[in-house]
N, C-alpha and C. Protein backbone atom coordinates (compact mmCIF):
# COMPACT_ATOMS: atom_id res chain seq x y z
N MET A 1 56.64 23.86 -12.75
CA MET A 1 56.02 22.31 -12.05
C MET A 1 55.28 22.65 -11.01
N PHE A 2 55.27 23.79 -10.66
CA PHE A 2 54.20 23.92 -9.43
C PHE A 2 52.63 24.00 -9.70
N GLU A 3 52.72 24.49 -10.90
CA GLU A 3 51.35 24.78 -11.77
C GLU A 3 50.62 23.00 -12.12
N ASN A 4 51.52 22.35 -12.33
CA ASN A 4 50.88 21.32 -12.69
C ASN A 4 50.37 20.16 -11.10
N TRP A 5 50.96 20.23 -10.09
CA TRP A 5 50.55 19.82 -8.92
C TRP A 5 49.56 20.19 -8.59
N VAL A 6 49.17 21.59 -8.86
CA VAL A 6 47.83 22.41 -8.28
C VAL A 6 46.65 22.07 -9.27
N VAL A 7 47.34 21.39 -10.35
CA VAL A 7 46.14 21.00 -11.42
C VAL A 7 45.65 19.56 -11.17
N ILE A 8 46.50 18.48 -10.68
CA ILE A 8 46.61 17.26 -9.93
C ILE A 8 45.44 17.39 -9.18
N LEU A 9 46.13 18.19 -7.63
CA LEU A 9 45.23 18.40 -6.94
C LEU A 9 43.90 19.05 -6.55
N ALA A 10 43.89 19.82 -8.08
CA ALA A 10 42.25 20.13 -8.00
C ALA A 10 41.23 19.04 -8.85
N VAL A 11 41.93 18.07 -9.36
CA VAL A 11 41.35 17.07 -10.23
C VAL A 11 40.78 16.19 -9.10
N ALA A 12 42.01 15.85 -8.26
CA ALA A 12 41.64 14.96 -7.37
C ALA A 12 40.67 15.29 -6.26
N LEU A 13 40.91 16.72 -5.71
CA LEU A 13 39.86 17.12 -4.91
C LEU A 13 38.08 17.06 -5.60
N SER A 14 38.07 17.44 -7.14
CA SER A 14 36.90 17.56 -7.48
C SER A 14 36.17 16.07 -7.79
N ILE A 15 37.46 15.21 -7.36
CA ILE A 15 36.86 13.58 -7.83
C ILE A 15 36.47 13.12 -6.45
N ALA A 16 36.92 13.63 -5.16
CA ALA A 16 36.68 13.06 -3.88
C ALA A 16 35.40 13.93 -3.80
N VAL A 17 34.84 15.40 -3.98
CA VAL A 17 33.83 15.78 -3.66
C VAL A 17 32.78 15.40 -4.67
N GLY A 18 32.93 14.83 -5.65
CA GLY A 18 31.98 14.26 -6.45
C GLY A 18 31.60 12.80 -5.82
N LEU A 19 32.42 12.11 -5.37
CA LEU A 19 32.20 10.89 -4.86
C LEU A 19 31.36 10.90 -3.55
N GLY A 20 31.87 11.84 -2.63
CA GLY A 20 31.47 12.18 -1.72
C GLY A 20 30.07 12.43 -1.53
N LEU A 21 29.61 13.53 -2.39
CA LEU A 21 28.16 13.70 -3.31
C LEU A 21 27.23 12.55 -3.42
N GLY A 22 27.96 11.88 -4.05
CA GLY A 22 27.57 11.08 -4.84
C GLY A 22 26.71 9.68 -3.90
N TRP A 23 27.90 9.53 -3.01
CA TRP A 23 27.56 8.41 -1.76
C TRP A 23 26.39 9.24 -1.03
N MET A 24 26.45 10.20 -0.47
CA MET A 24 25.45 10.86 0.52
C MET A 24 23.99 10.72 -0.39
N LEU A 25 23.95 10.94 -1.51
CA LEU A 25 22.92 11.24 -2.32
C LEU A 25 22.30 9.41 -2.45
N ARG A 26 22.92 8.71 -2.73
CA ARG A 26 22.61 7.23 -2.81
C ARG A 26 22.10 6.55 -1.58
N GLY A 27 22.98 7.08 -0.45
CA GLY A 27 22.64 6.61 0.82
C GLY A 27 21.13 7.21 1.47
N ARG A 28 20.79 8.28 0.86
CA ARG A 28 19.59 9.07 1.29
C ARG A 28 18.41 8.31 0.73
N SER A 29 18.95 7.69 -0.65
CA SER A 29 17.69 7.18 -1.33
C SER A 29 17.27 5.80 -0.99
N CYS A 30 17.84 5.22 -0.23
CA CYS A 30 17.69 4.08 0.38
C CYS A 30 16.27 4.02 0.69
N VAL A 31 15.61 2.84 0.51
CA VAL A 31 14.20 2.69 0.76
C VAL A 31 13.99 1.84 1.90
N THR A 32 13.73 1.92 2.81
CA THR A 32 13.33 1.28 4.05
C THR A 32 12.28 0.13 4.16
N ALA A 33 11.95 -0.91 5.01
CA ALA A 33 10.88 -1.73 4.94
C ALA A 33 9.72 -1.25 5.19
N PRO A 34 9.49 -0.15 5.92
CA PRO A 34 7.97 0.42 6.27
C PRO A 34 7.69 0.95 4.76
N GLN A 35 8.97 2.03 4.85
CA GLN A 35 8.49 2.85 2.97
C GLN A 35 8.14 2.21 2.07
N ARG A 36 8.78 0.96 1.84
CA ARG A 36 8.70 -0.22 0.84
C ARG A 36 6.92 -0.74 1.00
N ALA A 37 6.31 -0.56 2.57
CA ALA A 37 4.91 -1.15 2.12
C ALA A 37 4.28 0.18 1.81
N GLU A 38 4.58 1.19 2.40
CA GLU A 38 3.74 2.38 1.86
C GLU A 38 3.34 2.49 0.73
N LEU A 39 4.99 2.69 0.01
CA LEU A 39 5.19 2.72 -1.64
C LEU A 39 4.26 1.41 -2.05
N GLU A 40 4.29 0.43 -2.12
CA GLU A 40 3.24 -0.49 -2.51
C GLU A 40 1.75 -0.15 -2.34
N ARG A 41 1.58 0.24 -1.28
CA ARG A 41 0.10 0.44 -1.10
C ARG A 41 -0.39 1.99 -1.83
N LEU A 42 0.90 2.71 -1.82
CA LEU A 42 0.56 3.84 -2.70
C LEU A 42 0.48 3.48 -4.35
N ARG A 43 1.25 2.55 -4.89
CA ARG A 43 1.41 2.00 -6.36
C ARG A 43 -0.24 1.38 -6.35
N SER A 44 -0.85 0.48 -5.39
CA SER A 44 -2.16 -0.23 -5.62
C SER A 44 -3.18 0.99 -5.96
N GLU A 45 -3.18 2.02 -4.85
CA GLU A 45 -4.23 3.06 -5.10
C GLU A 45 -3.96 3.85 -6.26
N LEU A 46 -3.10 3.61 -7.04
CA LEU A 46 -2.55 4.69 -8.21
C LEU A 46 -3.35 3.66 -9.40
N SER A 47 -2.87 2.68 -9.24
CA SER A 47 -3.61 1.56 -10.11
C SER A 47 -5.33 1.58 -10.18
N THR A 48 -5.62 1.62 -8.91
CA THR A 48 -7.04 1.56 -8.99
C THR A 48 -7.42 2.75 -9.55
N ALA A 49 -7.01 4.34 -9.19
CA ALA A 49 -7.40 5.34 -9.54
C ALA A 49 -7.31 5.47 -11.09
N VAL A 50 -6.40 4.90 -11.59
CA VAL A 50 -6.06 4.93 -12.83
C VAL A 50 -7.27 4.11 -13.69
N GLY A 51 -7.60 2.77 -13.09
CA GLY A 51 -9.02 2.30 -13.55
C GLY A 51 -10.01 3.18 -13.74
N LEU A 52 -10.51 3.79 -12.17
CA LEU A 52 -11.42 4.46 -12.08
C LEU A 52 -11.66 5.49 -13.01
N GLN A 53 -10.39 6.16 -13.45
CA GLN A 53 -10.39 7.62 -14.37
C GLN A 53 -10.91 6.83 -15.92
N ALA A 54 -10.15 5.58 -16.36
CA ALA A 54 -10.38 5.01 -17.37
C ALA A 54 -11.98 4.76 -18.00
N ASP A 55 -12.89 4.16 -16.20
CA ASP A 55 -14.18 3.87 -16.40
C ASP A 55 -14.93 4.98 -16.79
N LYS A 56 -14.65 6.21 -15.90
CA LYS A 56 -15.17 7.53 -15.88
C LYS A 56 -15.28 8.20 -17.51
N ASP A 57 -14.05 7.69 -18.09
CA ASP A 57 -13.82 8.70 -19.48
C ASP A 57 -14.59 7.70 -20.46
N ALA A 58 -14.48 6.57 -20.04
CA ALA A 58 -15.64 5.48 -21.13
C ALA A 58 -17.23 5.99 -20.72
N ARG A 59 -17.65 5.84 -19.27
CA ARG A 59 -19.04 6.64 -19.39
C ARG A 59 -19.24 8.06 -19.93
N ILE A 60 -18.24 8.87 -19.88
CA ILE A 60 -18.56 10.13 -20.55
C ILE A 60 -18.72 10.27 -21.87
N ALA A 61 -18.03 9.23 -22.46
CA ALA A 61 -17.79 9.12 -23.79
C ALA A 61 -19.15 8.46 -24.34
N THR A 62 -19.92 7.41 -23.36
CA THR A 62 -21.05 7.13 -23.69
C THR A 62 -22.05 7.83 -23.35
N LEU A 63 -22.07 8.74 -22.66
CA LEU A 63 -23.29 9.83 -22.39
C LEU A 63 -23.22 10.92 -23.47
N GLU A 64 -21.97 11.15 -23.90
CA GLU A 64 -21.87 12.09 -25.06
C GLU A 64 -22.40 11.50 -26.35
N ALA A 65 -22.32 10.45 -26.94
CA ALA A 65 -22.75 9.91 -27.67
C ALA A 65 -24.23 9.59 -27.93
N ASP A 66 -24.74 9.32 -26.60
CA ASP A 66 -26.11 9.41 -26.41
C ASP A 66 -26.78 10.20 -26.69
N LEU A 67 -26.15 11.47 -25.70
CA LEU A 67 -26.66 12.83 -25.97
C LEU A 67 -27.11 13.03 -27.75
N GLU A 68 -25.69 12.89 -28.47
CA GLU A 68 -25.77 12.86 -29.85
C GLU A 68 -26.87 12.24 -30.31
N ALA A 69 -26.95 11.20 -30.22
CA ALA A 69 -28.07 10.62 -30.64
C ALA A 69 -29.52 10.94 -30.51
N GLU A 70 -29.50 11.53 -29.16
CA GLU A 70 -30.99 12.19 -29.03
C GLU A 70 -31.04 13.22 -29.66
N ARG A 71 -30.05 13.98 -29.99
CA ARG A 71 -29.95 14.96 -30.90
C ARG A 71 -30.37 15.30 -32.31
N THR A 72 -29.67 13.90 -32.87
CA THR A 72 -30.10 13.71 -34.30
C THR A 72 -30.95 12.77 -34.42
N GLY A 73 -31.90 12.16 -33.55
CA GLY A 73 -32.94 11.09 -33.40
C GLY A 73 -32.47 9.67 -33.78
N CYS A 74 -31.15 9.53 -34.14
CA CYS A 74 -30.64 7.98 -34.00
C CYS A 74 -30.87 7.40 -32.61
N VAL A 75 -31.08 6.04 -33.20
CA VAL A 75 -31.17 5.21 -31.68
C VAL A 75 -29.99 4.23 -31.93
N ARG A 76 -29.07 4.16 -30.67
CA ARG A 76 -27.71 3.03 -30.81
C ARG A 76 -28.47 1.76 -30.24
N PHE A 77 -27.82 0.63 -31.02
CA PHE A 77 -28.14 -0.55 -30.65
C PHE A 77 -26.74 -1.56 -30.46
N GLU A 78 -26.54 -0.77 -29.31
CA GLU A 78 -25.29 -1.41 -28.62
C GLU A 78 -25.49 -2.52 -27.56
N PRO A 79 -24.89 -3.82 -27.58
CA PRO A 79 -25.47 -4.79 -26.38
C PRO A 79 -25.18 -4.11 -24.93
N GLU A 80 -24.39 -3.30 -24.58
CA GLU A 80 -24.34 -2.85 -23.16
C GLU A 80 -25.54 -1.44 -22.89
N HIS A 81 -26.10 -1.26 -23.91
CA HIS A 81 -27.27 0.06 -24.02
C HIS A 81 -28.74 -0.48 -24.38
N ARG A 82 -28.53 -1.60 -24.39
CA ARG A 82 -29.99 -1.84 -24.74
C ARG A 82 -31.01 -1.89 -24.01
N GLY A 83 -30.72 -2.57 -22.81
CA GLY A 83 -31.73 -3.03 -21.43
C GLY A 83 -32.42 -1.64 -21.10
N ALA A 84 -31.84 -0.91 -20.10
CA ALA A 84 -32.16 0.33 -19.33
C ALA A 84 -32.28 1.20 -20.38
N GLN A 85 -31.65 1.75 -21.35
CA GLN A 85 -31.68 2.94 -22.43
C GLN A 85 -33.07 2.70 -23.22
N LEU A 86 -33.60 1.49 -23.47
CA LEU A 86 -34.65 1.15 -24.34
C LEU A 86 -35.92 1.10 -23.60
N ALA A 87 -35.78 0.40 -22.24
CA ALA A 87 -36.70 0.56 -21.44
C ALA A 87 -37.26 1.98 -21.01
N ARG A 88 -36.41 2.64 -20.82
CA ARG A 88 -36.37 3.90 -20.12
C ARG A 88 -37.35 4.65 -21.46
N ARG A 89 -36.88 4.41 -22.43
CA ARG A 89 -37.30 5.52 -23.68
C ARG A 89 -38.95 4.86 -23.89
N GLN A 90 -39.07 3.54 -23.65
CA GLN A 90 -40.42 2.92 -24.15
C GLN A 90 -41.19 3.17 -23.23
N PHE A 91 -40.61 3.12 -21.58
CA PHE A 91 -41.88 2.85 -20.65
C PHE A 91 -41.82 4.03 -19.57
N GLY A 92 -41.21 5.35 -20.44
CA GLY A 92 -41.50 6.13 -19.55
C GLY A 92 -40.06 6.88 -18.62
């Protein structure tokens, strides 16, 4: 009979410890107002950086395609490349 009480007490103690740890961890993860402002600032900086990264990747792809066109002798006639690219090739 004593063995049953030990099991019941062990289960109750483990539940209490689990609830206590969960409460402590949950309380620590609450975000305050100044942290929210910092979090929003960092999110906006991240979205700007992601946009800049996409622009850089597109520019690299364009430059690689232009380099390949120079190597093969093919000229690309896409609307965003006609102006400065052709003027530079024609006039120096």
